[in-house]
Protein backbone atom coordinates (compact mmCIF):
# COMPACT_ATOMS: atom_id res chain seq x y z
CA UNK A 1 3.33 15.59 9.84
CA UNK A 2 3.53 11.76 10.09
CA UNK A 3 0.34 11.41 8.10
CA UNK A 4 2.07 13.08 5.23
CA UNK A 5 5.10 10.88 5.58
CA UNK A 6 3.17 7.78 5.61
CA UNK A 7 1.18 7.95 2.47
CA UNK A 8 4.39 8.22 0.32
CA UNK A 9 5.80 4.87 1.03
CA UNK A 10 2.41 2.72 1.82
CA UNK A 11 2.41 1.42 -1.92
CA UNK A 12 5.96 -0.05 -1.42
CA UNK A 13 5.60 -1.49 2.07
CA UNK A 14 2.23 -3.11 1.05
CA UNK A 15 4.18 -4.94 -1.92
CA UNK A 16 7.10 -5.94 0.64
CA UNK A 17 4.72 -7.17 3.45
CA UNK A 18 2.38 -9.13 1.10
CA UNK A 19 5.47 -10.84 -0.55
CA UNK A 20 7.24 -11.49 2.91
CA UNK A 21 4.21 -13.28 4.12
CA UNK A 22 4.47 -15.91 1.46
CA UNK A 23 7.55 -16.97 3.55
CA UNK A 24 5.38 -17.64 6.61
CA UNK A 25 3.17 -20.11 4.31
CA UNK A 26 6.02 -21.94 3.24
CA UNK A 27 7.21 -25.13 5.43
CA UNK A 28 10.24 -24.66 7.17
CA UNK A 29 11.43 -28.24 7.70
CA UNK A 30 11.39 -30.12 4.36
CA UNK A 31 10.95 -34.11 4.17
CA UNK A 32 13.12 -33.89 0.88
CA UNK A 33 14.46 -31.37 -1.77
CA UNK A 34 11.06 -31.11 -3.43
CA UNK A 35 9.88 -27.65 -4.14
CA UNK A 36 6.74 -26.86 -2.11
CA UNK A 37 5.71 -23.08 -3.59
CA UNK A 38 3.25 -21.45 -1.98
CA UNK A 39 1.01 -19.27 -4.25
CA UNK A 40 2.87 -15.81 -4.51
CA UNK A 41 1.49 -14.26 -7.54
CA UNK A 42 -1.56 -12.48 -7.42
CA UNK A 43 -4.20 -10.47 -8.89
CA UNK A 44 -6.16 -7.78 -7.00
CA UNK A 45 -8.78 -5.30 -7.47
CA UNK A 46 -10.88 -3.11 -5.51
CA UNK A 47 -13.18 0.01 -5.51
CA UNK A 48 -13.57 2.40 -2.71
CA UNK A 49 -15.86 5.26 -2.18
CA UNK A 50 -15.65 8.11 0.69
CA UNK A 51 -18.71 10.44 0.77
CA UNK A 52 -18.85 13.58 3.06
CA UNK A 53 -20.45 17.15 3.06
CA UNK A 54 -18.53 20.52 2.89
CA UNK A 55 -20.96 23.40 3.59
CA UNK A 56 -24.16 21.25 2.66
CA UNK A 57 -22.68 20.22 -0.58
CA UNK A 58 -22.09 16.73 -1.11
CA UNK A 59 -18.57 15.86 -2.07
CA UNK A 60 -16.89 12.36 -2.65
CA UNK A 61 -13.62 10.38 -3.30
CA UNK A 62 -14.01 7.26 -5.53
CA UNK A 63 -10.91 5.34 -6.08
CA UNK A 64 -10.02 2.07 -8.26
CA UNK A 65 -7.02 -0.08 -7.72
CA UNK A 66 -5.77 -2.76 -9.42
CA UNK A 67 -2.41 -4.86 -9.29
CA UNK A 68 -0.88 -7.85 -11.15
CA UNK A 69 2.00 -9.55 -9.63
CA UNK A 70 3.99 -12.29 -11.36
CA UNK A 71 6.69 -14.72 -9.99
CA UNK A 72 9.75 -14.58 -12.34
CA UNK A 73 11.84 -16.73 -9.90
CA UNK A 74 10.37 -18.92 -7.20
CA UNK A 75 12.35 -21.65 -5.11
CA UNK A 76 12.22 -23.41 -1.77
CA UNK A 77 15.40 -25.49 -0.74
CA UNK A 78 16.54 -26.42 2.70
CA UNK A 79 13.75 -24.42 4.28
CA UNK A 80 15.27 -21.24 2.32
CA UNK A 81 12.61 -19.70 0.14
CA UNK A 82 13.64 -17.42 -2.73
CA UNK A 83 11.87 -15.34 -5.38
CA UNK A 84 11.86 -12.67 -7.45
CA UNK A 85 8.51 -10.76 -8.53
CA UNK A 86 7.54 -8.30 -11.17
CA UNK A 87 4.32 -6.33 -10.91
CA UNK A 88 2.13 -3.88 -12.10
CA UNK A 89 -0.36 -1.77 -10.63
CA UNK A 90 -3.24 1.02 -11.55
CA UNK A 91 -4.76 3.53 -9.30
CA UNK A 92 -7.58 5.95 -10.31
CA UNK A 93 -8.90 8.82 -8.19
CA UNK A 94 -12.14 10.79 -8.78
CA UNK A 95 -13.32 13.81 -7.00
CA UNK A 96 -16.88 14.63 -7.33
CA UNK A 97 -18.33 18.14 -5.86
CA UNK A 98 -14.90 19.82 -5.96
CA UNK A 99 -15.15 21.64 -9.28
CA UNK A 100 -12.06 22.88 -10.52
CA UNK A 101 -10.47 23.50 -6.95
CA UNK A 102 -7.57 21.19 -7.35
CA UNK A 103 -6.89 21.78 -11.02
CA UNK A 104 -8.64 18.60 -11.94
CA UNK A 105 -11.13 15.86 -10.59
CA UNK A 106 -9.71 12.81 -12.45
CA UNK A 107 -6.33 11.59 -11.30
CA UNK A 108 -4.05 8.42 -12.21
CA UNK A 109 -1.10 6.38 -11.57
CA UNK A 110 0.61 3.65 -13.20
CA UNK A 111 3.36 1.51 -11.35
CA UNK A 112 5.80 -1.18 -11.69
CA UNK A 113 7.63 -3.01 -8.96
CA UNK A 114 10.30 -5.41 -8.31
CA UNK A 115 10.66 -7.51 -5.21
CA UNK A 116 13.40 -9.64 -4.55
CA UNK A 117 13.54 -12.12 -1.23
CA UNK A 118 17.02 -13.91 -0.61
CA UNK A 119 17.36 -16.48 2.36
CA UNK A 120 20.21 -16.82 4.11
CA UNK A 121 18.56 -19.42 6.22
CA UNK A 122 15.12 -20.72 7.43
CA UNK A 123 15.35 -18.01 9.87
CA UNK A 124 16.65 -14.66 7.90
CA UNK A 125 15.48 -13.32 4.76
CA UNK A 126 16.67 -9.99 3.03
CA UNK A 127 13.71 -8.40 1.01
CA UNK A 128 14.36 -5.67 -1.42
CA UNK A 129 11.72 -3.71 -3.35
CA UNK A 130 11.78 -0.96 -6.07
CA UNK A 131 8.55 0.79 -7.32
CA UNK A 132 8.76 3.59 -10.26
CA UNK A 133 5.41 5.23 -10.84
CA UNK A 134 3.98 7.72 -13.15
CA UNK A 135 1.23 9.99 -11.53
CA UNK A 136 -0.64 13.09 -12.80
CA UNK A 137 -3.88 14.20 -14.54
CA UNK A 138 -2.71 12.57 -17.74
CA UNK A 139 -3.29 15.93 -19.56
CA UNK A 140 0.33 16.13 -20.66
CA UNK A 141 2.81 13.25 -19.77
CA UNK A 142 6.49 13.67 -19.26
CA UNK A 143 9.27 12.63 -17.09
CA UNK A 144 8.17 15.13 -14.19
CA UNK A 145 5.41 12.80 -13.71
CA UNK A 146 7.59 10.18 -12.31
CA UNK A 147 8.40 9.11 -8.72
CA UNK A 148 9.92 6.40 -7.24
CA UNK A 149 10.09 4.39 -3.76
CA UNK A 150 12.50 1.71 -2.58
CA UNK A 151 12.46 -0.62 0.72
CA UNK A 152 15.15 -3.17 2.33
CA UNK A 153 13.96 -5.42 5.23
CA UNK A 154 15.64 -8.06 7.20
CA UNK A 155 12.81 -10.78 8.31
CA UNK A 156 13.72 -12.72 11.22
CA UNK A 157 11.49 -15.65 11.75
CA UNK A 158 11.48 -16.62 15.73
CA UNK A 159 9.24 -19.62 15.04
CA UNK A 160 6.52 -21.17 12.91
CA UNK A 161 3.99 -18.78 14.50
CA UNK A 162 5.83 -15.41 14.82
CA UNK A 163 8.37 -13.39 12.57
CA UNK A 164 9.37 -9.79 12.38
CA UNK A 165 11.05 -7.42 10.05
CA UNK A 166 13.61 -4.50 10.50
CA UNK A 167 14.41 -2.11 7.54
CA UNK A 168 13.85 1.10 6.03
CA UNK A 169 11.91 2.96 3.07
CA UNK A 170 13.03 5.77 0.73
CA UNK A 171 10.68 7.76 -1.34
CA UNK A 172 11.47 10.45 -4.12
CA UNK A 173 8.24 12.39 -4.47
CA UNK A 174 7.06 15.53 -5.89
CA UNK A 175 7.49 17.57 -2.64
CA UNK A 176 10.98 15.84 -1.78
CA UNK A 177 12.35 12.93 -0.37
CA UNK A 178 11.43 10.80 2.56
CA UNK A 179 13.31 8.28 4.64
CA UNK A 180 11.50 6.19 7.47
CA UNK A 181 12.32 3.28 9.55
CA UNK A 182 9.79 0.43 9.14
CA UNK A 183 8.88 -2.43 11.62
CA UNK A 184 6.91 -5.30 10.24
CA UNK A 185 5.07 -8.27 12.50
CA UNK A 186 3.51 -11.61 11.50
CA UNK A 187 1.89 -13.33 14.37
CA UNK A 188 -0.19 -16.32 14.64
CA UNK A 189 -1.72 -15.80 17.81
CA UNK A 190 -4.05 -18.70 17.76
CA UNK A 191 -5.21 -21.41 15.18
CA UNK A 192 -7.82 -18.70 14.10
CA UNK A 193 -6.31 -15.43 15.25
CA UNK A 194 -3.55 -13.62 13.44
CA UNK A 195 -2.14 -10.41 13.46
CA UNK A 196 0.00 -8.78 10.76
CA UNK A 197 1.53 -5.15 10.55
CA UNK A 198 3.82 -3.03 8.80
CA UNK A 199 4.35 -0.09 11.01
CA UNK A 200 3.80 2.89 10.75
CA UNK A 201 1.66 1.99 7.96
CA UNK A 202 -0.97 -0.43 8.56
CA UNK A 203 -2.26 -3.26 11.16
CA UNK A 204 -4.59 -6.05 10.56
CA UNK A 205 -6.24 -8.32 12.96
CA UNK A 206 -7.79 -11.42 11.28
CA UNK A 207 -10.14 -13.96 13.08
CA UNK A 208 -11.31 -17.27 11.05
CA UNK A 209 -14.94 -18.08 11.12
CA UNK A 210 -14.97 -21.25 8.77
CA UNK A 211 -12.63 -22.57 6.27
CA UNK A 212 -13.76 -19.94 3.82
CA UNK A 213 -14.98 -16.97 5.91
CA UNK A 214 -12.83 -14.32 7.93
CA UNK A 215 -13.65 -11.14 9.77
CA UNK A 216 -11.26 -8.61 11.10
CA UNK A 217 -10.11 -5.01 11.72
CA UNK A 218 -8.10 -2.90 9.57
CA UNK A 219 -5.81 0.04 10.53
CA UNK A 220 -4.52 2.05 7.40
CA UNK A 221 -2.65 4.94 8.67
CA UNK A 222 -1.85 6.47 5.27
CA UNK A 223 -3.96 4.62 2.58
CA UNK A 224 -5.33 7.09 -0.14
CA UNK A 225 -4.75 8.56 -3.66
CA UNK A 226 -1.26 9.81 -3.00
CA UNK A 227 0.55 12.38 -4.94
CA UNK A 228 -0.11 13.45 -8.66
CA UNK A 229 1.79 15.98 -10.75
CA UNK A 230 -0.82 18.48 -12.57
CA UNK A 231 -0.49 19.47 -16.36
CA UNK A 232 1.73 22.28 -17.50
CA UNK A 233 -1.37 24.24 -17.96
CA UNK A 234 -1.70 24.09 -14.17
CA UNK A 235 1.75 25.37 -13.77
CA UNK A 236 3.05 21.60 -13.13
CA UNK A 237 1.61 22.16 -9.34
CA UNK A 238 0.74 18.71 -7.30
CA UNK A 239 -2.36 17.49 -5.55
CA UNK A 240 -2.23 15.15 -2.62
CA UNK A 241 -5.28 13.16 -1.30
CA UNK A 242 -4.60 11.36 2.38
CA UNK A 243 -6.82 9.11 4.25
CA UNK A 244 -6.30 7.57 7.73
CA UNK A 245 -8.87 4.71 8.16
CA UNK A 246 -10.01 2.21 10.82
CA UNK A 247 -12.36 -0.39 9.34
CA UNK A 248 -14.25 -3.62 9.72
CA UNK A 249 -13.80 -6.36 6.90
CA UNK A 250 -15.43 -9.69 5.95
CA UNK A 251 -13.47 -11.81 3.47
CA UNK A 252 -15.17 -15.24 1.64
CA UNK A 253 -12.98 -17.72 -0.19
CA UNK A 254 -15.23 -18.80 -3.31
CA UNK A 255 -13.09 -21.42 -4.66
CA UNK A 256 -9.39 -22.11 -4.49
CA UNK A 257 -7.18 -19.19 -4.26
CA UNK A 258 -10.05 -16.68 -5.35
CA UNK A 259 -11.65 -14.44 -2.46
CA UNK A 260 -14.10 -11.42 -2.51
CA UNK A 261 -14.11 -8.81 0.46
CA UNK A 262 -16.16 -6.14 1.96
CA UNK A 263 -14.74 -3.33 3.99
CA UNK A 264 -16.54 -0.65 6.08
CA UNK A 265 -14.94 2.19 8.02
CA UNK A 266 -14.22 5.82 9.19
CA UNK A 267 -11.70 8.00 7.81
CA UNK A 268 -10.36 9.95 10.90
CA UNK A 269 -8.02 11.91 8.78
CA UNK A 270 -8.99 12.85 5.32
CA UNK A 271 -7.44 15.83 3.38
CA UNK A 272 -6.97 16.80 -0.06
CA UNK A 273 -4.32 19.52 -0.83
CA UNK A 274 -2.85 21.46 -3.78
CA UNK A 275 0.69 22.66 -3.71
CA UNK A 276 2.67 24.65 -6.02
CA UNK A 277 5.59 22.67 -7.91
CA UNK A 278 8.30 24.63 -5.87
CA UNK A 279 7.13 23.63 -2.53
CA UNK A 280 9.59 20.74 -1.53
CA UNK A 281 11.04 19.65 1.74
CA UNK A 282 13.94 17.05 1.61
CA UNK A 283 14.81 13.99 4.00
CA UNK A 284 11.58 13.96 5.88
CA UNK A 285 11.15 13.17 8.85
CA UNK A 286 14.35 15.07 9.66
CA UNK A 287 13.07 18.44 8.24
CA UNK A 288 9.58 19.37 8.81
CA UNK A 289 6.94 18.76 5.98
CA UNK A 290 4.54 21.14 7.79
CA UNK A 291 6.47 23.87 6.18
CA UNK A 292 4.65 23.19 2.87
CA UNK A 293 1.91 25.74 2.07
CA UNK A 294 -1.10 24.55 0.21
CA UNK A 295 -2.51 26.52 -2.43
CA UNK A 296 -6.21 25.04 -1.94
CA UNK A 297 -7.17 22.51 1.05
CA UNK A 298 -9.99 20.67 2.15
CA UNK A 299 -10.44 18.88 5.49
CA UNK A 300 -13.24 16.63 6.45
CA UNK A 301 -13.41 13.15 8.24
CA UNK A 302 -16.21 10.73 7.09
CA UNK A 303 -17.40 7.18 6.40
CA UNK A 304 -15.77 4.88 3.78
CA UNK A 305 -16.71 1.65 2.21
CA UNK A 306 -14.67 -0.73 -0.19
CA UNK A 307 -15.37 -4.01 -1.99
CA UNK A 308 -12.57 -5.95 -3.98
CA UNK A 309 -11.45 -9.23 -5.31
CA UNK A 310 -8.20 -11.23 -5.00
CA UNK A 311 -6.59 -14.08 -6.73
CA UNK A 312 -3.39 -15.95 -5.89
CA UNK A 313 -1.35 -18.35 -8.26
């Protein structure tokens, strides 16, 4: 049940975590009132491929993701870093080898995100994020395609090398609603080794090989295609894709703030489900999400590879 919960808030928490990390790069002590702004705007794109076999038949999940985040407001004063960000994201998911088992083989989502950080002091900051999303097979588009998520976290900076965040995430999805507590950690263990985590969503351990090269281990406990509404022709049922992955990654900074990355790992939990639109459970995890009964289901673990680019500005 935990896996089902996690995937629904991953997008919001990834946005919040990435932007809250920007506070770590900003100097805490300023020699003057000059604004020294770390690059918090970004463009990210990646492609992932997950092949597996079902009854000797080749099946695969391909995903294309892109996200542009732009700072609308960005200021640093007396060690307090405030910003307001707007972003737009796209996720495309393509199934191969499943036929019409899940009502379609192409799914899409488009999201807009707003993220605000307000610092009360160099030690404390409040971070809020809101993300509405249109998610469907795009064969017809209506208000039924919309979902939304939000998160609120208090970030506490204990030292120049360690900070943590406490908060909650809320998500309204096709199956119902989710309210989940979250804990974030950012820890510079040494000059070359760092740990970042947003539990129960993800963990990342990074080691710096050189000025431009990094390797590490990723634990993604709910990444994947998410949930998508099907067309009225399919009774407006909804499709859900879930993946729980551990992987090794390599990142290389080509020039300036531009980097490329390679990622290879294993999906320990990989599942595709089709649900009737009336299958709903509210206030997860206080109510049991396992009550949902799928119309169709496919479970199979397997390898996963991913490549991506990132540019910060």
